[in-house]
Amino acid sequence: TYYAAGLGACGITNTDTDMIAAISAAYFDSYPGATNNPNENPICGKQIRATYGTASVVVAITDRCAGCAGQYDIDFTPSAFTQIADESLGRV
């Protein structure tokens, strides 16, 4: 899915044009080295490659997705999402 970016759990303010993503709260909170301060989570700033079909995008993790149901769900900015799918799909 995609979301409107802003101040993320990593303490970084992003915009909808940034190539970033939020990972599920379950994954974010259980990442090795995570503490009660989300700004210090070692996953913050890590880059991942997400693939859908034949398209892929590289994004930095800067946020935590409280609404993501699956442990490996990812929420993208609109700019990042459109690199792999049309916004009209909503969820891929």
N, C-alpha and C. Protein backbone atom coordinates (compact mmCIF):
# COMPACT_ATOMS: atom_id res chain seq x y z
N THR A 1 0.85 -1.18 0.00
CA THR A 1 0.00 0.00 0.00
C THR A 1 0.89 1.24 0.00
N TYR A 2 0.25 2.38 0.00
CA TYR A 2 1.00 3.64 0.08
C TYR A 2 0.32 4.56 1.08
N TYR A 3 1.07 5.54 1.57
CA TYR A 3 0.56 6.43 2.61
C TYR A 3 1.14 7.83 2.43
N ALA A 4 0.54 8.79 3.11
CA ALA A 4 1.03 10.16 3.10
C ALA A 4 2.16 10.27 4.13
N ALA A 5 3.33 10.59 3.66
CA ALA A 5 4.51 10.66 4.53
C ALA A 5 4.46 11.90 5.41
N GLY A 6 5.23 11.86 6.47
CA GLY A 6 5.37 12.96 7.41
C GLY A 6 6.49 12.60 8.36
N LEU A 7 6.34 12.98 9.62
CA LEU A 7 7.33 12.62 10.62
C LEU A 7 7.18 11.14 10.93
N GLY A 8 8.21 10.36 10.66
CA GLY A 8 8.14 8.92 10.84
C GLY A 8 8.70 8.46 12.17
N ALA A 9 8.55 7.19 12.45
CA ALA A 9 8.99 6.60 13.71
C ALA A 9 10.50 6.72 13.92
N CYS A 10 11.24 6.86 12.84
CA CYS A 10 12.70 6.99 12.95
C CYS A 10 13.13 8.41 13.27
N GLY A 11 12.16 9.33 13.40
CA GLY A 11 12.48 10.71 13.73
C GLY A 11 12.83 11.54 12.52
N ILE A 12 12.53 11.04 11.33
CA ILE A 12 12.85 11.72 10.08
C ILE A 12 11.56 12.20 9.44
N THR A 13 11.53 13.48 9.02
CA THR A 13 10.37 14.00 8.32
C THR A 13 10.56 13.78 6.83
N ASN A 14 9.60 13.11 6.21
CA ASN A 14 9.66 12.79 4.78
C ASN A 14 8.47 13.40 4.06
N THR A 15 8.58 13.42 2.73
CA THR A 15 7.48 13.89 1.89
C THR A 15 7.04 12.75 0.99
N ASP A 16 5.91 12.94 0.33
CA ASP A 16 5.37 11.90 -0.55
C ASP A 16 6.25 11.61 -1.75
N THR A 17 7.21 12.48 -2.04
CA THR A 17 8.10 12.25 -3.18
C THR A 17 9.39 11.53 -2.79
N ASP A 18 9.60 11.33 -1.49
CA ASP A 18 10.80 10.61 -1.03
C ASP A 18 10.65 9.11 -1.30
N MET A 19 11.76 8.48 -1.60
CA MET A 19 11.77 7.04 -1.86
C MET A 19 12.02 6.31 -0.54
N ILE A 20 10.95 6.27 0.26
CA ILE A 20 11.04 5.65 1.59
C ILE A 20 9.85 4.72 1.80
N ALA A 21 9.91 3.98 2.89
CA ALA A 21 8.81 3.08 3.23
C ALA A 21 8.73 2.91 4.74
N ALA A 22 7.56 2.45 5.16
CA ALA A 22 7.33 2.05 6.54
C ALA A 22 7.18 0.54 6.55
N ILE A 23 7.79 -0.11 7.51
CA ILE A 23 7.64 -1.56 7.63
C ILE A 23 6.65 -1.86 8.76
N SER A 24 6.12 -3.05 8.76
CA SER A 24 5.11 -3.41 9.75
C SER A 24 5.63 -3.19 11.16
N ALA A 25 4.72 -2.82 12.05
CA ALA A 25 5.08 -2.62 13.45
C ALA A 25 5.68 -3.89 14.04
N ALA A 26 5.15 -5.04 13.64
CA ALA A 26 5.67 -6.31 14.17
C ALA A 26 7.14 -6.50 13.81
N TYR A 27 7.51 -6.19 12.57
CA TYR A 27 8.90 -6.35 12.14
C TYR A 27 9.77 -5.25 12.76
N PHE A 28 9.28 -4.01 12.71
CA PHE A 28 10.02 -2.87 13.25
C PHE A 28 10.35 -3.10 14.72
N ASP A 29 9.35 -3.48 15.50
CA ASP A 29 9.53 -3.63 16.94
C ASP A 29 10.40 -4.82 17.34
N SER A 30 10.46 -5.83 16.48
CA SER A 30 11.25 -7.03 16.81
C SER A 30 12.61 -7.05 16.12
N TYR A 31 12.95 -5.98 15.40
CA TYR A 31 14.23 -5.94 14.71
C TYR A 31 15.36 -5.99 15.74
N PRO A 32 16.39 -6.78 15.50
CA PRO A 32 17.49 -6.90 16.46
C PRO A 32 18.09 -5.54 16.83
N GLY A 33 18.16 -5.27 18.11
CA GLY A 33 18.70 -4.01 18.60
C GLY A 33 17.66 -2.94 18.85
N ALA A 34 16.39 -3.23 18.53
CA ALA A 34 15.32 -2.25 18.75
C ALA A 34 15.15 -2.00 20.24
N THR A 35 14.90 -0.74 20.59
CA THR A 35 14.67 -0.35 21.98
C THR A 35 13.30 0.33 22.07
N ASN A 36 12.99 0.88 23.24
CA ASN A 36 11.74 1.61 23.41
C ASN A 36 11.73 2.93 22.66
N ASN A 37 12.90 3.40 22.23
CA ASN A 37 12.99 4.64 21.46
C ASN A 37 13.07 4.28 19.98
N PRO A 38 11.97 4.46 19.23
CA PRO A 38 11.97 4.07 17.82
C PRO A 38 12.99 4.84 16.98
N ASN A 39 13.37 6.04 17.42
CA ASN A 39 14.35 6.82 16.67
C ASN A 39 15.71 6.13 16.60
N GLU A 40 15.95 5.24 17.55
CA GLU A 40 17.24 4.55 17.63
C GLU A 40 17.21 3.15 17.04
N ASN A 41 16.11 2.76 16.40
CA ASN A 41 16.00 1.42 15.84
C ASN A 41 17.06 1.24 14.74
N PRO A 42 17.86 0.19 14.82
CA PRO A 42 18.91 -0.02 13.82
C PRO A 42 18.40 -0.20 12.39
N ILE A 43 17.10 -0.49 12.22
CA ILE A 43 16.58 -0.65 10.86
C ILE A 43 16.38 0.70 10.17
N CYS A 44 16.32 1.77 10.96
CA CYS A 44 16.12 3.10 10.39
C CYS A 44 17.24 3.44 9.41
N GLY A 45 16.86 3.83 8.21
CA GLY A 45 17.81 4.19 7.18
C GLY A 45 18.29 3.04 6.32
N LYS A 46 18.00 1.81 6.71
CA LYS A 46 18.40 0.65 5.90
C LYS A 46 17.65 0.70 4.57
N GLN A 47 18.32 0.30 3.51
CA GLN A 47 17.68 0.24 2.20
C GLN A 47 17.25 -1.18 1.89
N ILE A 48 16.08 -1.27 1.27
CA ILE A 48 15.57 -2.56 0.82
C ILE A 48 15.14 -2.44 -0.63
N ARG A 49 15.10 -3.56 -1.31
CA ARG A 49 14.56 -3.60 -2.67
C ARG A 49 13.24 -4.37 -2.60
N ALA A 50 12.18 -3.71 -3.05
CA ALA A 50 10.86 -4.34 -3.10
C ALA A 50 10.52 -4.62 -4.55
N THR A 51 9.98 -5.80 -4.81
CA THR A 51 9.67 -6.22 -6.18
C THR A 51 8.21 -6.64 -6.28
N TYR A 52 7.58 -6.22 -7.37
CA TYR A 52 6.22 -6.63 -7.69
C TYR A 52 6.19 -6.92 -9.19
N GLY A 53 5.95 -8.15 -9.54
CA GLY A 53 6.02 -8.53 -10.95
C GLY A 53 7.45 -8.37 -11.44
N THR A 54 7.62 -7.59 -12.51
CA THR A 54 8.95 -7.35 -13.06
C THR A 54 9.53 -6.01 -12.62
N ALA A 55 8.76 -5.24 -11.85
CA ALA A 55 9.21 -3.93 -11.40
C ALA A 55 9.79 -4.02 -9.99
N SER A 56 10.77 -3.16 -9.72
CA SER A 56 11.32 -3.11 -8.37
C SER A 56 11.69 -1.68 -8.02
N VAL A 57 11.82 -1.43 -6.73
CA VAL A 57 12.18 -0.10 -6.25
C VAL A 57 13.05 -0.28 -5.00
N VAL A 58 14.03 0.60 -4.85
CA VAL A 58 14.87 0.63 -3.66
C VAL A 58 14.39 1.79 -2.79
N VAL A 59 14.09 1.49 -1.53
CA VAL A 59 13.61 2.51 -0.60
C VAL A 59 14.37 2.39 0.71
N ALA A 60 14.40 3.49 1.45
CA ALA A 60 14.97 3.49 2.79
C ALA A 60 13.84 3.34 3.80
N ILE A 61 14.07 2.60 4.85
CA ILE A 61 13.09 2.43 5.92
C ILE A 61 13.22 3.62 6.87
N THR A 62 12.13 4.38 7.00
CA THR A 62 12.15 5.54 7.89
C THR A 62 10.91 5.61 8.79
N ASP A 63 10.07 4.59 8.73
CA ASP A 63 8.83 4.66 9.50
C ASP A 63 8.34 3.26 9.88
N ARG A 64 7.38 3.25 10.77
CA ARG A 64 6.75 2.05 11.32
C ARG A 64 5.29 2.07 10.91
N CYS A 65 4.79 0.98 10.37
CA CYS A 65 3.42 0.90 9.88
C CYS A 65 2.54 0.18 10.91
N ALA A 66 1.82 0.95 11.70
CA ALA A 66 0.95 0.37 12.73
C ALA A 66 -0.24 -0.35 12.11
N GLY A 67 -0.67 0.07 10.92
CA GLY A 67 -1.83 -0.53 10.27
C GLY A 67 -1.52 -1.72 9.39
N CYS A 68 -0.26 -2.08 9.27
CA CYS A 68 0.12 -3.22 8.44
C CYS A 68 -0.20 -4.52 9.19
N ALA A 69 -0.95 -5.39 8.56
CA ALA A 69 -1.41 -6.62 9.21
C ALA A 69 -0.34 -7.71 9.25
N GLY A 70 0.33 -7.93 8.13
CA GLY A 70 1.33 -8.99 8.05
C GLY A 70 2.69 -8.53 8.54
N GLN A 71 3.46 -9.45 9.07
CA GLN A 71 4.78 -9.12 9.60
C GLN A 71 5.69 -8.50 8.54
N TYR A 72 5.54 -8.91 7.29
CA TYR A 72 6.43 -8.41 6.24
C TYR A 72 5.75 -7.39 5.33
N ASP A 73 4.64 -6.81 5.75
CA ASP A 73 3.96 -5.78 4.96
C ASP A 73 4.80 -4.51 4.94
N ILE A 74 4.69 -3.79 3.82
CA ILE A 74 5.44 -2.55 3.62
C ILE A 74 4.47 -1.50 3.11
N ASP A 75 4.60 -0.28 3.62
CA ASP A 75 3.80 0.85 3.19
C ASP A 75 4.75 1.85 2.54
N PHE A 76 4.49 2.22 1.30
CA PHE A 76 5.37 3.09 0.53
C PHE A 76 4.82 4.51 0.44
N THR A 77 5.70 5.46 0.13
CA THR A 77 5.22 6.77 -0.29
C THR A 77 4.60 6.59 -1.68
N PRO A 78 3.72 7.50 -2.09
CA PRO A 78 3.14 7.38 -3.43
C PRO A 78 4.21 7.30 -4.53
N SER A 79 5.28 8.08 -4.42
CA SER A 79 6.33 8.05 -5.45
C SER A 79 7.01 6.70 -5.53
N ALA A 80 7.25 6.08 -4.40
CA ALA A 80 7.88 4.76 -4.40
C ALA A 80 6.91 3.71 -4.91
N PHE A 81 5.65 3.78 -4.48
CA PHE A 81 4.65 2.79 -4.90
C PHE A 81 4.47 2.79 -6.41
N THR A 82 4.44 3.97 -7.02
CA THR A 82 4.21 4.03 -8.47
C THR A 82 5.39 3.50 -9.28
N GLN A 83 6.51 3.24 -8.64
CA GLN A 83 7.63 2.60 -9.34
C GLN A 83 7.36 1.12 -9.58
N ILE A 84 6.46 0.53 -8.78
CA ILE A 84 6.19 -0.90 -8.93
C ILE A 84 4.75 -1.21 -9.33
N ALA A 85 3.82 -0.26 -9.13
CA ALA A 85 2.42 -0.52 -9.47
C ALA A 85 1.67 0.80 -9.61
N ASP A 86 0.52 0.73 -10.26
CA ASP A 86 -0.34 1.90 -10.40
C ASP A 86 -1.05 2.15 -9.07
N GLU A 87 -1.17 3.42 -8.69
CA GLU A 87 -1.83 3.75 -7.43
C GLU A 87 -3.25 3.21 -7.34
N SER A 88 -3.90 3.05 -8.49
CA SER A 88 -5.29 2.56 -8.49
C SER A 88 -5.40 1.14 -7.92
N LEU A 89 -4.30 0.40 -7.91
CA LEU A 89 -4.32 -0.95 -7.34
C LEU A 89 -4.42 -0.91 -5.82
N GLY A 90 -3.87 0.12 -5.22
CA GLY A 90 -3.95 0.28 -3.77
C GLY A 90 -3.08 -0.67 -2.98
N ARG A 91 -3.36 -1.95 -3.09
CA ARG A 91 -2.60 -2.97 -2.35
C ARG A 91 -2.09 -4.00 -3.35
N VAL A 92 -0.80 -4.28 -3.26
CA VAL A 92 -0.21 -5.30 -4.15
C VAL A 92 0.57 -6.31 -3.33
